[in-house]
Amino acid sequence: MSQRRPTRAQDVPDGELVPDELDIELFRHACSSILDEIELNLTRTAYSPLIYDYKDYVVGLLDNSFALLSQSELSLPAFVADLGPVVADAVGVVRAENLAPGDVLVSNYAAAQGHHLNNVVMIAPIFQEDRVIAYVAIRGHWADVGGLEPGSMSWNARDIHQEGTQYRGLRIMRAGEIVHENVATCLANTRFEEYVRGDLMAQLGGCQLGLSRWQERITSRWTCEEVEAFTSAQMGQSATLARSRVAALPDGAFTATCRTDDAGVPGTDPLQFTVRVEIDGDRMIIDLTAVPDQVEAPINSNAAVGDARVAYKSVIAPDHPTDEGLFAPLEVRTRPGSILTASKGAAMGHWNSTMPTVVDLVLQAFGTCSSDLAPAGHHASIGGFIFSGRRPDGSWWQSVDTAGGGWGASSRADGFSPLRTLSHGDNRSISVEVLEGSFPLTVEHVRYRPDTGGRGRYRGGCGVERLITTNEDAYLTTSVERTLDPPWGVAGGEPGVPGGVDVCVPGADTWVAYNKASSVALPAGSRVRIRSAGGGGWGPPADRDPAAHAADLRDGFVTKL
C-alpha cells in the first residue's frame, strides 16, 4: 500500500516540508493511540490500587526539546503538560549523547519536578535514524520512597530530605537490559517493596510498549524530518486554536482571593492566596506573584505553571488534546521563594494541598468578568486519608484514597457530585470491594451529606460521608483544607458546607477532629468518618425551579422545604 507523504513546496526555501491537514491528523492520532495502549497496559499490570484504580499517573510523549507532544486522557488533570522539566533534568544529568537505544531512566528530583517524591517518572528515549526523536515518560505515584513515616507524606517533615529518597536520572535499564542493582536500590528505599516492585515493572513495561508502538506506527511510516514537520504543524494548530479562544474573552484584569485553614500546621495563621488574570486580545497572563511565601510545613511545591495550566485549559480548550502549543498564549508570572515556586530543599509531601484552591481562584477570576464563564467554588480539598499497618510477618500494608465532594453550580446546571477536586477531574474512587478485599478495613457506609450543597437557582453538588472501621491496629494520615473559607457561591448563590475527618476510638463516645495529621494510632475497631464539602450555589435561591427543589427533597439532597 502506498503511503501519504507531505509535499515539498517549490516556493519554500530549501524545499521545506509542508504537511497537509490529513497528514497532521494521522500523526496526532497515531501518537494518541500509543498513549491509549500504554494507559490500558499500565492499569492492567500495576500493583497498587492508587495506579490501577485511582489513576494517579500520567503518560506523555515529548519531542527532543522536551515539549509535550501528546498526553494520556484518563490520568490526573493535575499533571497537565508538566513532564518537560523533570525529563529535561534527568536527560541533562545523564547527558543526551550518553543515551543509547534501550536505556530507561527514573527521576523524582523535587527541584525539577516540584511534587512530592512519591511521583516517580520513568523516561525512555525514542531513537529513529540513529538519533533521539522523542521521549516516552510515565509518572506514577509510588506507595513509599522512605522518609519519616509510611507513605512518605509526613506532616512533620520540614525538609525534602525527611520525605524520602530522590532519584535523578537513575538508569533502570541500559541498552535493553535491566540494571538489577539500581532496581534493588529503589526497593531498598521503600517500606512497601511489593507495591513499588510491581508498579516499577508496570511503568517499565509501559515504556517498552511505547517504544515498540512508535516503531510500528511512526517510524515505519514517516522519516524524522516528517515527524518534526508534523510536530511543528500540530503545535501550531493548537496555538492558533488557543489564541482564538482567548481572543473571544473580555479584555481586562480580574482578581480573586481566599484563605486556607492554616500554614500547614493546625493552629497557625491562615494563608491568603490572591491570583490575577489579565486578558489582552489573544494573550493571557495568570499572575501568581501574590501567593504566600514558602512555609516550613510540607505544602510547598514548584507547581505554579501546572496549577495555572489546569485552570486555563478547563476554560479555553477542555476537549482539545493536550500539547505544548495549546499553552502558547499563556504567560504564568511567578516569583522565587513562594509557596508555589519553593526553593530547593523545601518540604513538599503535601504539595497538592493548595492546588485545588489555586485552580478554583483562577476560575473565580474568570467568573468576575462574566458569571456565565466559570462555576461557583468546589470543595477544593484533597481530602486525603491514608491507612497503614503491619502484617503478621512484619511487612507493611497501605491504603491511599481521597474524598470526592461537591462541585460548584454553573449558570446552566447544578454542581456535580461526588467528584474529586478540579485537579483530579473525574478519576475514580477506589472501590469498596478493592478496599475491603485488600486491607483490614470495613466500609460501613458511603452516602451523601444532605444540605451541604450551596443553595441557589442552581444548587451546588452535595458533600459525601464515608465511615470506615479498622479491623486491626492501624495508622491514619489525613489532609483536609478549606474549612474556614468554604466553597463560594456566585451571582447570589450560597456557599457550600465544609467537611473534615473525625475519629472515634473503641470505648469513647466523642469524635476527635484530625484534618491534618500524621500516623495517628488507631486501635482495632476505631471508626473514621470522612466528610467532604459541598459546592457553592449559583444565582439567588429564590429563583430555583420548585420542581427541581421537590426532586432534591425526593432524592435526599436537601431536607428542608
Protein backbone atom coordinates (compact mmCIF):
# COMPACT_ATOMS: atom_id res chain seq x y z
CA MET A 1 0.00 0.00 0.00
CA SER A 2 1.37 3.41 -0.90
CA GLN A 3 1.83 5.83 1.96
CA ARG A 4 0.88 9.51 2.01
CA ARG A 5 3.85 11.84 2.08
CA PRO A 6 3.98 15.55 2.84
CA THR A 7 4.58 17.73 -0.21
CA ARG A 8 7.61 19.96 -0.69
CA ALA A 9 6.51 23.45 -1.67
CA GLN A 10 8.51 24.82 -4.58
CA ASP A 11 8.38 28.38 -3.24
CA VAL A 12 9.65 27.47 0.24
CA PRO A 13 13.41 27.82 0.82
CA ASP A 14 15.37 24.56 1.00
CA GLY A 15 12.31 22.57 -0.03
CA GLU A 16 10.74 22.67 3.45
CA LEU A 17 8.12 20.03 4.11
CA VAL A 18 4.56 21.32 4.09
CA PRO A 19 2.27 18.66 5.63
CA ASP A 20 -1.39 18.83 4.77
CA GLU A 21 -4.22 18.64 7.29
CA LEU A 22 -4.73 14.90 6.85
CA ASP A 23 -1.04 14.18 7.48
CA ILE A 24 -1.18 16.14 10.73
CA GLU A 25 -4.30 14.36 11.97
CA LEU A 26 -2.93 10.94 11.09
CA PHE A 27 0.21 11.72 13.08
CA ARG A 28 -1.72 13.21 16.02
CA HIS A 29 -3.95 10.16 16.32
CA ALA A 30 -1.05 7.74 15.85
CA CYS A 31 0.63 9.34 18.87
CA SER A 32 -2.52 9.37 20.99
CA SER A 33 -3.20 5.71 20.12
CA ILE A 34 0.22 4.80 21.55
CA LEU A 35 -0.64 6.52 24.83
CA ASP A 36 -4.09 4.91 24.92
CA GLU A 37 -2.49 1.48 24.74
CA ILE A 38 0.15 2.31 27.36
CA GLU A 39 -2.60 3.50 29.72
CA LEU A 40 -4.55 0.29 29.32
CA ASN A 41 -1.44 -1.79 29.90
CA LEU A 42 -0.37 0.27 32.93
CA THR A 43 -3.72 -0.06 34.69
CA ARG A 44 -3.80 -3.77 33.84
CA THR A 45 -0.34 -4.53 35.25
CA ALA A 46 0.16 -2.03 38.11
CA TYR A 47 0.20 -3.47 41.63
CA SER A 48 -1.10 -0.51 43.63
CA PRO A 49 -4.80 0.48 43.56
CA LEU A 50 -3.60 4.06 43.50
CA ILE A 51 -2.50 3.48 39.91
CA TYR A 52 -4.81 0.79 38.54
CA ASP A 53 -8.00 2.08 40.21
CA TYR A 54 -7.40 5.70 41.25
CA LYS A 55 -5.42 6.65 38.08
CA ASP A 56 -2.65 8.53 39.90
CA TYR A 57 -0.37 8.55 36.88
CA VAL A 58 0.26 10.30 33.57
CA VAL A 59 1.72 9.10 30.29
CA GLY A 60 3.24 11.51 27.79
CA LEU A 61 5.20 11.77 24.56
CA LEU A 62 7.67 14.65 24.39
CA ASP A 63 9.71 15.84 21.43
CA ASN A 64 13.51 16.01 21.61
CA SER A 65 13.37 19.55 23.01
CA PHE A 66 11.13 18.27 25.86
CA ALA A 67 7.95 19.98 24.62
CA LEU A 68 4.80 17.94 25.18
CA LEU A 69 3.62 16.23 22.01
CA SER A 70 0.72 14.19 23.40
CA GLN A 71 -0.65 13.24 26.81
CA SER A 72 -2.89 10.50 28.17
CA GLU A 73 -6.55 11.38 28.59
CA LEU A 74 -7.60 9.21 31.55
CA SER A 75 -4.93 10.32 34.03
CA LEU A 76 -4.87 13.21 36.52
CA PRO A 77 -5.51 16.74 35.20
CA ALA A 78 -3.06 17.91 37.89
CA PHE A 79 -0.30 16.58 35.65
CA VAL A 80 -1.31 18.59 32.59
CA ALA A 81 1.73 19.35 30.42
CA ASP A 82 4.24 19.32 33.32
CA LEU A 83 6.52 16.41 32.37
CA GLY A 84 9.01 18.55 30.43
CA PRO A 85 11.15 19.93 33.29
CA VAL A 86 11.74 16.61 35.05
CA VAL A 87 12.51 14.77 31.79
CA ALA A 88 14.88 17.56 30.72
CA ASP A 89 16.65 17.44 34.09
CA ALA A 90 17.12 13.66 34.02
CA VAL A 91 18.47 13.71 30.47
CA GLY A 92 20.72 16.64 31.36
CA VAL A 93 22.23 14.69 34.25
CA VAL A 94 22.95 11.63 32.10
CA ARG A 95 23.74 13.78 29.04
CA ALA A 96 21.83 13.14 25.86
CA GLU A 97 24.93 11.97 23.99
CA ASN A 98 25.32 9.16 26.51
CA LEU A 99 21.85 7.75 25.89
CA ALA A 100 21.51 4.59 23.84
CA PRO A 101 18.56 2.65 22.45
CA GLY A 102 17.02 0.59 25.24
CA ASP A 103 18.01 2.98 28.05
CA VAL A 104 15.37 3.86 30.65
CA LEU A 105 15.82 6.46 33.40
CA VAL A 106 14.00 7.14 36.67
CA SER A 107 13.62 10.55 38.30
CA ASN A 108 11.64 12.17 41.09
CA TYR A 109 14.03 15.06 41.75
CA ALA A 110 11.96 17.63 43.62
CA ALA A 111 13.84 20.71 42.43
CA ALA A 112 12.97 19.82 38.82
CA GLN A 113 9.54 18.27 39.27
CA GLY A 114 8.18 20.27 42.17
CA HIS A 115 6.00 17.46 43.56
CA HIS A 116 6.24 15.08 46.47
CA LEU A 117 8.86 12.39 46.00
CA ASN A 118 6.22 9.67 45.52
CA ASN A 119 5.68 10.93 41.96
CA VAL A 120 8.34 8.94 40.13
CA VAL A 121 8.85 9.47 36.40
CA MET A 122 10.21 6.76 34.11
CA ILE A 123 11.77 8.06 30.89
CA ALA A 124 12.71 6.18 27.70
CA PRO A 125 14.37 7.90 24.74
CA ILE A 126 12.89 7.02 21.35
CA PHE A 127 15.57 6.56 18.69
CA GLN A 128 14.86 6.95 15.00
CA GLU A 129 17.50 7.16 12.27
CA ASP A 130 20.21 6.83 14.95
CA ARG A 131 19.14 9.87 16.98
CA VAL A 132 16.67 10.72 19.72
CA ILE A 133 13.46 11.92 18.09
CA ALA A 134 11.21 11.85 21.19
CA TYR A 135 10.74 10.54 24.73
CA VAL A 136 8.06 8.44 26.33
CA ALA A 137 7.53 9.34 30.01
CA ILE A 138 5.32 7.69 32.62
CA ARG A 139 4.77 9.21 36.04
CA GLY A 140 3.27 7.00 38.73
CA HIS A 141 2.66 7.51 42.44
CA TRP A 142 4.89 5.06 44.32
CA ALA A 143 3.45 3.96 47.64
CA ASP A 144 6.54 4.91 49.64
CA VAL A 145 10.05 6.21 48.96
CA GLY A 146 11.30 6.30 52.55
CA GLY A 147 11.21 9.31 54.84
CA LEU A 148 9.88 9.85 58.33
CA GLU A 149 6.66 7.86 58.11
CA PRO A 150 4.94 5.21 55.98
CA GLY A 151 3.72 6.73 52.73
CA SER A 152 6.46 9.42 52.63
CA MET A 153 3.94 12.21 53.24
CA SER A 154 4.53 13.14 56.86
CA TRP A 155 3.12 16.43 58.14
CA ASN A 156 6.13 16.51 60.46
CA ALA A 157 8.67 16.87 57.65
CA ARG A 158 10.38 20.24 57.37
CA ASP A 159 12.84 19.41 54.60
CA ILE A 160 12.63 17.38 51.39
CA HIS A 161 15.32 15.02 52.71
CA GLN A 162 12.98 13.97 55.52
CA GLU A 163 10.44 12.88 52.92
CA GLY A 164 12.36 10.10 51.23
CA THR A 165 14.85 9.21 48.54
CA GLN A 166 15.47 11.31 45.44
CA TYR A 167 16.38 9.67 42.14
CA ARG A 168 17.84 11.86 39.42
CA GLY A 169 18.39 10.20 36.05
CA LEU A 170 18.96 6.77 37.59
CA ARG A 171 19.31 4.12 34.87
CA ILE A 172 16.84 1.30 35.42
CA MET A 173 17.58 -0.22 32.02
CA ARG A 174 20.74 0.02 29.94
CA ALA A 175 20.68 -0.96 26.26
CA GLY A 176 17.60 -3.10 26.84
CA GLU A 177 18.90 -4.91 29.95
CA ILE A 178 17.53 -4.25 33.44
CA VAL A 179 20.14 -2.75 35.78
CA HIS A 180 19.32 -5.00 38.72
CA GLU A 181 21.43 -3.17 41.31
CA ASN A 182 19.56 0.06 40.61
CA VAL A 183 16.19 -1.64 40.85
CA ALA A 184 17.37 -3.16 44.13
CA THR A 185 18.32 0.32 45.36
CA CYS A 186 14.80 1.58 44.66
CA LEU A 187 13.32 -1.37 46.55
CA ALA A 188 15.72 -0.89 49.46
CA ASN A 189 14.33 2.63 49.95
CA THR A 190 10.68 1.77 50.42
CA ARG A 191 8.61 0.17 53.16
CA PHE A 192 6.26 -1.29 50.54
CA GLU A 193 8.58 -3.38 48.42
CA GLU A 194 5.87 -5.44 46.74
CA TYR A 195 3.88 -2.35 45.72
CA VAL A 196 6.90 -0.49 44.39
CA ARG A 197 8.34 -3.52 42.56
CA GLY A 198 5.01 -4.15 40.87
CA ASP A 199 4.44 -0.53 39.88
CA LEU A 200 8.05 -0.04 38.77
CA MET A 201 7.79 -3.05 36.46
CA ALA A 202 4.41 -1.83 35.17
CA GLN A 203 5.95 1.53 34.27
CA LEU A 204 8.90 -0.21 32.67
CA GLY A 205 6.56 -2.40 30.65
CA GLY A 206 4.66 0.70 29.57
CA CYS A 207 7.87 2.32 28.34
CA GLN A 208 8.78 -0.78 26.35
CA LEU A 209 5.31 -0.88 24.84
CA GLY A 210 5.59 2.79 23.87
CA LEU A 211 8.93 2.21 22.15
CA SER A 212 7.55 -0.76 20.25
CA ARG A 213 4.40 1.03 19.12
CA TRP A 214 6.38 4.09 17.99
CA GLN A 215 8.42 1.85 15.72
CA GLU A 216 5.27 0.23 14.34
CA ARG A 217 3.10 3.33 13.93
CA ILE A 218 5.56 6.18 13.40
CA THR A 219 9.00 5.01 12.27
CA SER A 220 7.60 2.53 9.76
CA ARG A 221 5.63 5.31 8.08
CA TRP A 222 7.45 8.61 8.41
CA THR A 223 11.03 9.90 8.45
CA CYS A 224 12.47 12.04 11.26
CA GLU A 225 12.17 15.09 9.03
CA GLU A 226 8.50 14.36 8.51
CA VAL A 227 7.89 13.72 12.21
CA GLU A 228 9.44 17.07 13.08
CA ALA A 229 7.34 18.82 10.44
CA PHE A 230 4.16 17.21 11.78
CA THR A 231 5.08 18.11 15.35
CA SER A 232 5.62 21.76 14.47
CA ALA A 233 2.40 21.91 12.46
CA GLN A 234 0.34 20.20 15.17
CA MET A 235 1.56 22.57 17.87
CA GLY A 236 0.94 25.49 15.55
CA GLN A 237 -2.65 24.38 15.07
CA SER A 238 -3.15 24.09 18.83
CA ALA A 239 -1.66 27.55 19.37
CA THR A 240 -3.93 29.07 16.73
CA LEU A 241 -7.00 27.48 18.33
CA ALA A 242 -6.00 28.65 21.81
CA ARG A 243 -5.35 32.23 20.67
CA SER A 244 -8.77 32.38 19.04
CA ARG A 245 -10.44 31.15 22.24
CA VAL A 246 -8.55 33.68 24.38
CA ALA A 247 -9.39 36.47 21.95
CA ALA A 248 -13.10 35.68 22.39
CA LEU A 249 -12.91 36.51 26.13
CA PRO A 250 -13.46 40.02 27.50
CA ASP A 251 -10.27 42.06 27.88
CA GLY A 252 -9.37 43.23 31.36
CA ALA A 253 -7.72 42.32 34.65
CA PHE A 254 -9.59 40.18 37.17
CA THR A 255 -8.58 39.09 40.68
CA ALA A 256 -9.76 36.57 43.25
CA THR A 257 -8.74 35.90 46.84
CA CYS A 258 -9.33 33.29 49.52
CA ARG A 259 -7.58 31.85 52.56
CA THR A 260 -6.51 28.42 53.71
CA ASP A 261 -7.17 26.94 57.14
CA ASP A 262 -3.58 27.39 58.28
CA ALA A 263 0.04 27.34 57.11
CA GLY A 264 0.16 23.55 57.04
CA VAL A 265 0.26 23.16 60.82
CA PRO A 266 -3.04 23.22 62.76
CA GLY A 267 -3.23 26.34 64.88
CA THR A 268 -1.02 28.52 62.66
CA ASP A 269 -2.42 31.57 60.90
CA PRO A 270 -4.30 31.06 57.60
CA LEU A 271 -2.53 31.86 54.34
CA GLN A 272 -4.11 34.30 51.91
CA PHE A 273 -3.93 33.43 48.21
CA THR A 274 -4.57 36.08 45.55
CA VAL A 275 -4.46 35.43 41.82
CA ARG A 276 -4.81 37.87 38.95
CA VAL A 277 -5.86 37.06 35.39
CA GLU A 278 -5.12 39.56 32.62
CA ILE A 279 -6.56 39.20 29.13
CA ASP A 280 -5.35 41.38 26.28
CA GLY A 281 -6.50 40.34 22.85
CA ASP A 282 -5.21 36.83 22.19
CA ARG A 283 -2.81 36.83 25.15
CA MET A 284 -3.45 35.81 28.76
CA ILE A 285 -1.40 36.30 31.91
CA ILE A 286 -2.06 34.36 35.09
CA ASP A 287 -0.20 36.22 37.81
CA LEU A 288 0.68 34.15 40.89
CA THR A 289 3.18 36.57 42.40
CA ALA A 290 0.79 37.47 45.25
CA VAL A 291 0.58 33.98 46.72
CA PRO A 292 2.24 33.43 50.13
CA ASP A 293 5.92 32.77 50.72
CA GLN A 294 7.01 29.18 51.12
CA VAL A 295 6.46 27.73 54.58
CA GLU A 296 8.13 25.18 56.83
CA ALA A 297 5.28 22.69 56.58
CA PRO A 298 5.21 20.27 53.61
CA ILE A 299 2.68 22.16 51.48
CA ASN A 300 5.24 23.77 49.17
CA SER A 301 5.64 22.96 45.50
CA ASN A 302 7.08 24.09 42.21
CA ALA A 303 3.74 23.57 40.51
CA ALA A 304 2.75 27.16 39.73
CA VAL A 305 2.76 26.61 35.98
CA GLY A 306 0.87 23.33 36.29
CA ASP A 307 -1.75 24.89 38.56
CA ALA A 308 -2.32 27.71 36.09
CA ARG A 309 -2.48 25.36 33.12
CA VAL A 310 -5.19 23.21 34.69
CA ALA A 311 -7.47 26.23 35.11
CA TYR A 312 -6.56 27.73 31.74
CA LYS A 313 -7.25 24.54 29.80
CA SER A 314 -10.57 23.94 31.56
CA VAL A 315 -11.80 27.32 30.27
CA ILE A 316 -10.01 27.64 26.92
CA ALA A 317 -9.98 24.15 25.41
CA PRO A 318 -11.28 21.45 27.77
CA ASP A 319 -11.89 18.90 24.99
CA HIS A 320 -8.83 19.58 22.82
CA PRO A 321 -5.90 17.12 23.03
CA THR A 322 -3.11 18.44 25.22
CA ASP A 323 0.18 19.52 23.71
CA GLU A 324 2.64 22.35 24.31
CA GLY A 325 1.14 24.52 21.58
CA LEU A 326 -2.13 24.82 23.45
CA PHE A 327 -0.41 26.97 26.08
CA ALA A 328 1.28 29.37 23.64
CA PRO A 329 -1.00 32.33 24.55
CA LEU A 330 -0.45 31.84 28.30
CA GLU A 331 2.18 33.54 30.43
CA VAL A 332 2.40 32.45 34.07
CA ARG A 333 4.03 35.04 36.31
CA THR A 334 5.71 33.83 39.48
CA ARG A 335 8.37 34.91 41.93
CA PRO A 336 11.13 32.84 43.56
CA GLY A 337 10.52 31.57 47.06
CA SER A 338 6.74 31.50 47.00
CA ILE A 339 4.72 28.51 48.20
CA LEU A 340 4.22 27.58 44.52
CA THR A 341 7.86 28.19 43.49
CA ALA A 342 9.64 26.93 46.57
CA SER A 343 13.42 26.87 46.87
CA LYS A 344 15.48 23.71 46.66
CA GLY A 345 15.06 21.55 49.76
CA ALA A 346 11.58 22.75 50.73
CA ALA A 347 9.25 20.07 52.11
CA MET A 348 6.65 19.01 49.53
CA GLY A 349 4.94 15.91 50.91
CA HIS A 350 1.50 17.53 50.58
CA TRP A 351 2.40 19.64 47.53
CA ASN A 352 -1.09 19.25 46.11
CA SER A 353 -3.00 20.56 49.15
CA THR A 354 -3.11 24.14 47.77
CA MET A 355 -3.53 23.21 44.11
CA PRO A 356 -7.35 22.91 44.09
CA THR A 357 -7.62 26.32 45.74
CA VAL A 358 -5.33 27.94 43.15
CA VAL A 359 -7.30 26.38 40.28
CA ASP A 360 -10.56 27.46 41.91
CA LEU A 361 -9.29 31.02 42.32
CA VAL A 362 -8.25 31.31 38.68
CA LEU A 363 -11.74 30.18 37.69
CA GLN A 364 -13.27 32.65 40.14
CA ALA A 365 -11.22 35.41 38.50
CA PHE A 366 -12.62 34.38 35.11
CA GLY A 367 -16.07 34.48 36.67
CA THR A 368 -15.66 38.09 37.77
CA CYS A 369 -15.61 39.18 34.14
CA SER A 370 -18.70 37.07 33.41
CA SER A 371 -20.63 34.94 35.88
CA ASP A 372 -21.56 32.66 32.97
CA LEU A 373 -17.93 31.84 32.30
CA ALA A 374 -16.99 29.89 35.43
CA PRO A 375 -18.81 27.86 38.10
CA ALA A 376 -19.11 28.53 41.81
CA GLY A 377 -16.43 27.22 44.14
CA HIS A 378 -15.95 23.46 44.50
CA HIS A 379 -14.97 21.52 47.64
CA ALA A 380 -11.30 22.26 46.86
CA SER A 381 -9.80 19.84 49.37
CA ILE A 382 -7.67 16.81 48.55
CA GLY A 383 -9.41 15.16 51.49
CA GLY A 384 -6.67 12.56 51.70
CA PHE A 385 -6.91 9.62 54.06
CA ILE A 386 -4.13 7.06 54.29
CA PHE A 387 -4.47 3.89 56.36
CA SER A 388 -1.39 1.78 57.00
CA GLY A 389 -0.26 -1.01 59.28
CA ARG A 390 1.92 -4.06 59.68
CA ARG A 391 1.07 -7.60 58.70
CA PRO A 392 1.94 -10.54 61.00
CA ASP A 393 5.15 -11.12 59.01
CA GLY A 394 6.29 -7.54 59.68
CA SER A 395 5.65 -6.21 56.18
CA TRP A 396 3.56 -3.08 55.65
CA TRP A 397 0.20 -2.57 54.02
CA GLN A 398 -1.19 0.77 52.92
CA SER A 399 -4.44 2.19 51.50
CA VAL A 400 -4.39 5.68 49.97
CA ASP A 401 -7.52 7.50 48.81
CA THR A 402 -9.05 10.97 48.66
CA ALA A 403 -12.57 12.22 49.21
CA GLY A 404 -14.92 13.16 46.40
CA GLY A 405 -17.19 16.08 47.16
CA GLY A 406 -19.44 18.71 45.61
CA TRP A 407 -18.52 20.88 42.65
CA GLY A 408 -19.91 24.35 42.19
CA ALA A 409 -23.08 25.08 40.26
CA SER A 410 -22.90 26.97 36.98
CA SER A 411 -25.26 29.30 35.13
CA ARG A 412 -26.70 26.26 33.38
CA ALA A 413 -26.84 23.40 35.87
CA ASP A 414 -26.45 22.11 39.43
CA GLY A 415 -22.98 21.17 40.58
CA PHE A 416 -21.73 17.63 40.04
CA SER A 417 -21.30 15.27 42.97
CA PRO A 418 -19.39 13.37 44.10
CA LEU A 419 -16.20 14.18 42.22
CA ARG A 420 -12.60 14.72 43.29
CA THR A 421 -11.08 18.18 43.07
CA LEU A 422 -10.67 20.13 39.84
CA SER A 423 -7.06 18.95 39.75
CA HIS A 424 -8.28 15.33 39.89
CA GLY A 425 -11.08 15.58 37.36
CA ASP A 426 -13.33 12.55 37.13
CA ASN A 427 -10.85 9.89 38.23
CA ARG A 428 -12.41 7.03 40.11
CA SER A 429 -12.72 6.30 43.80
CA ILE A 430 -11.01 3.15 44.96
CA SER A 431 -13.88 0.72 45.09
CA VAL A 432 -15.28 -0.64 48.36
CA GLU A 433 -14.62 -4.16 47.09
CA VAL A 434 -10.93 -3.44 46.46
CA LEU A 435 -10.54 -1.65 49.79
CA GLU A 436 -12.16 -4.38 51.88
CA GLY A 437 -10.63 -7.21 49.88
CA SER A 438 -7.08 -5.85 50.09
CA PHE A 439 -6.85 -4.26 53.53
CA PRO A 440 -8.15 -4.88 57.11
CA LEU A 441 -10.82 -2.20 56.74
CA THR A 442 -14.62 -2.25 56.62
CA VAL A 443 -16.61 0.44 54.84
CA GLU A 444 -19.75 0.97 56.93
CA HIS A 445 -21.37 3.42 54.55
CA VAL A 446 -20.79 5.91 51.76
CA ARG A 447 -23.63 8.43 51.46
CA TYR A 448 -24.49 11.98 50.50
CA ARG A 449 -24.44 14.71 53.13
CA PRO A 450 -27.79 16.44 52.59
CA ASP A 451 -27.99 20.24 52.73
CA THR A 452 -24.25 20.67 52.11
CA GLY A 453 -24.52 21.98 48.56
CA GLY A 454 -24.87 25.75 48.48
CA ARG A 455 -28.41 26.91 47.75
CA GLY A 456 -29.11 28.89 44.60
CA ARG A 457 -31.00 28.97 41.36
CA TYR A 458 -28.70 26.07 40.67
CA ARG A 459 -27.59 24.03 43.67
CA GLY A 460 -24.02 23.11 44.48
CA GLY A 461 -23.14 19.43 44.49
CA CYS A 462 -23.50 17.64 47.84
CA GLY A 463 -20.63 16.51 50.00
CA VAL A 464 -20.20 12.84 50.88
CA GLU A 465 -19.72 11.00 54.19
CA ARG A 466 -17.70 7.82 54.32
CA LEU A 467 -17.44 5.76 57.52
CA ILE A 468 -14.61 3.21 57.78
CA THR A 469 -13.83 0.83 60.64
CA THR A 470 -10.34 -0.56 61.22
CA ASN A 471 -10.33 -4.33 61.77
CA GLU A 472 -6.75 -4.33 63.06
CA ASP A 473 -4.46 -1.80 64.72
CA ALA A 474 -3.55 0.80 62.09
CA TYR A 475 -2.26 4.29 61.49
CA LEU A 476 -4.09 7.21 59.84
CA THR A 477 -2.73 10.21 57.93
CA THR A 478 -5.16 12.89 56.70
CA SER A 479 -5.16 16.04 54.57
CA VAL A 480 -8.21 18.35 54.68
CA GLU A 481 -8.34 22.03 53.64
CA ARG A 482 -10.70 24.97 53.19
CA THR A 483 -12.93 24.51 56.22
CA LEU A 484 -12.64 28.22 57.17
CA ASP A 485 -13.21 29.65 53.68
CA PRO A 486 -15.76 27.23 52.25
CA PRO A 487 -16.76 26.88 48.57
CA TRP A 488 -18.16 30.22 47.49
CA GLY A 489 -21.41 30.93 45.72
CA VAL A 490 -21.70 33.02 42.56
CA ALA A 491 -24.27 35.58 41.41
CA GLY A 492 -26.17 35.43 44.72
CA GLY A 493 -25.69 31.72 45.35
CA GLU A 494 -24.82 30.50 48.84
CA PRO A 495 -21.58 28.78 49.90
CA GLY A 496 -21.26 25.05 50.41
CA VAL A 497 -20.80 23.41 53.81
CA PRO A 498 -17.18 22.40 54.64
CA GLY A 499 -16.00 18.91 55.55
CA GLY A 500 -13.46 17.24 57.84
CA VAL A 501 -12.12 13.97 59.24
CA ASP A 502 -13.11 12.68 62.70
CA VAL A 503 -12.08 9.60 64.66
CA CYS A 504 -13.87 7.70 67.41
CA VAL A 505 -11.78 5.02 69.11
CA PRO A 506 -13.31 1.98 70.88
CA GLY A 507 -14.78 2.81 74.26
CA ALA A 508 -15.10 6.54 73.51
CA ASP A 509 -18.29 8.49 72.91
CA THR A 510 -16.74 11.54 71.27
CA TRP A 511 -15.36 12.21 67.80
CA VAL A 512 -11.97 13.93 67.57
CA ALA A 513 -11.06 16.03 64.51
CA TYR A 514 -7.90 15.14 62.57
CA ASN A 515 -7.91 17.35 59.48
CA LYS A 516 -4.13 17.43 59.10
CA ALA A 517 -2.49 14.57 60.97
CA SER A 518 0.30 12.03 60.51
CA SER A 519 0.32 8.40 61.63
CA VAL A 520 -2.45 8.69 64.22
CA ALA A 521 -2.51 5.36 66.08
CA LEU A 522 -5.86 3.63 65.67
CA PRO A 523 -6.66 0.57 67.78
CA ALA A 524 -8.71 -2.14 66.10
CA GLY A 525 -12.36 -1.16 66.00
CA SER A 526 -11.71 2.56 65.50
CA ARG A 527 -14.22 4.40 63.34
CA VAL A 528 -13.03 7.06 60.90
CA ARG A 529 -15.57 9.48 59.44
CA ILE A 530 -14.50 11.31 56.29
CA ARG A 531 -16.80 14.20 55.31
CA SER A 532 -16.29 16.19 52.12
CA ALA A 533 -17.63 19.67 51.46
CA GLY A 534 -20.49 20.66 49.20
CA GLY A 535 -20.07 23.02 46.26
CA GLY A 536 -21.26 26.60 46.04
CA GLY A 537 -24.61 27.60 44.54
CA TRP A 538 -25.26 29.84 41.51
CA GLY A 539 -27.89 32.56 41.49
CA PRO A 540 -30.46 33.59 44.15
CA PRO A 541 -32.05 30.60 45.97
CA ALA A 542 -35.48 32.16 45.47
CA ASP A 543 -35.08 31.68 41.72
CA ARG A 544 -34.80 27.89 41.95
CA ASP A 545 -37.39 25.95 39.99
CA PRO A 546 -39.87 24.47 42.54
CA ALA A 547 -39.86 21.20 40.59
CA ALA A 548 -36.07 20.98 40.95
CA HIS A 549 -36.34 21.60 44.70
CA ALA A 550 -39.00 18.92 45.00
CA ALA A 551 -36.71 16.50 43.21
CA ASP A 552 -33.90 17.40 45.63
CA LEU A 553 -36.17 16.57 48.57
CA ARG A 554 -37.18 13.28 46.98
CA ASP A 555 -33.58 12.29 46.24
CA GLY A 556 -32.28 13.25 49.68
CA PHE A 557 -30.00 16.10 48.55
CA VAL A 558 -31.88 18.51 50.82
CA THR A 559 -34.09 18.02 53.87
CA LYS A 560 -35.65 21.48 54.17
CA LEU A 561 -38.55 23.00 52.28
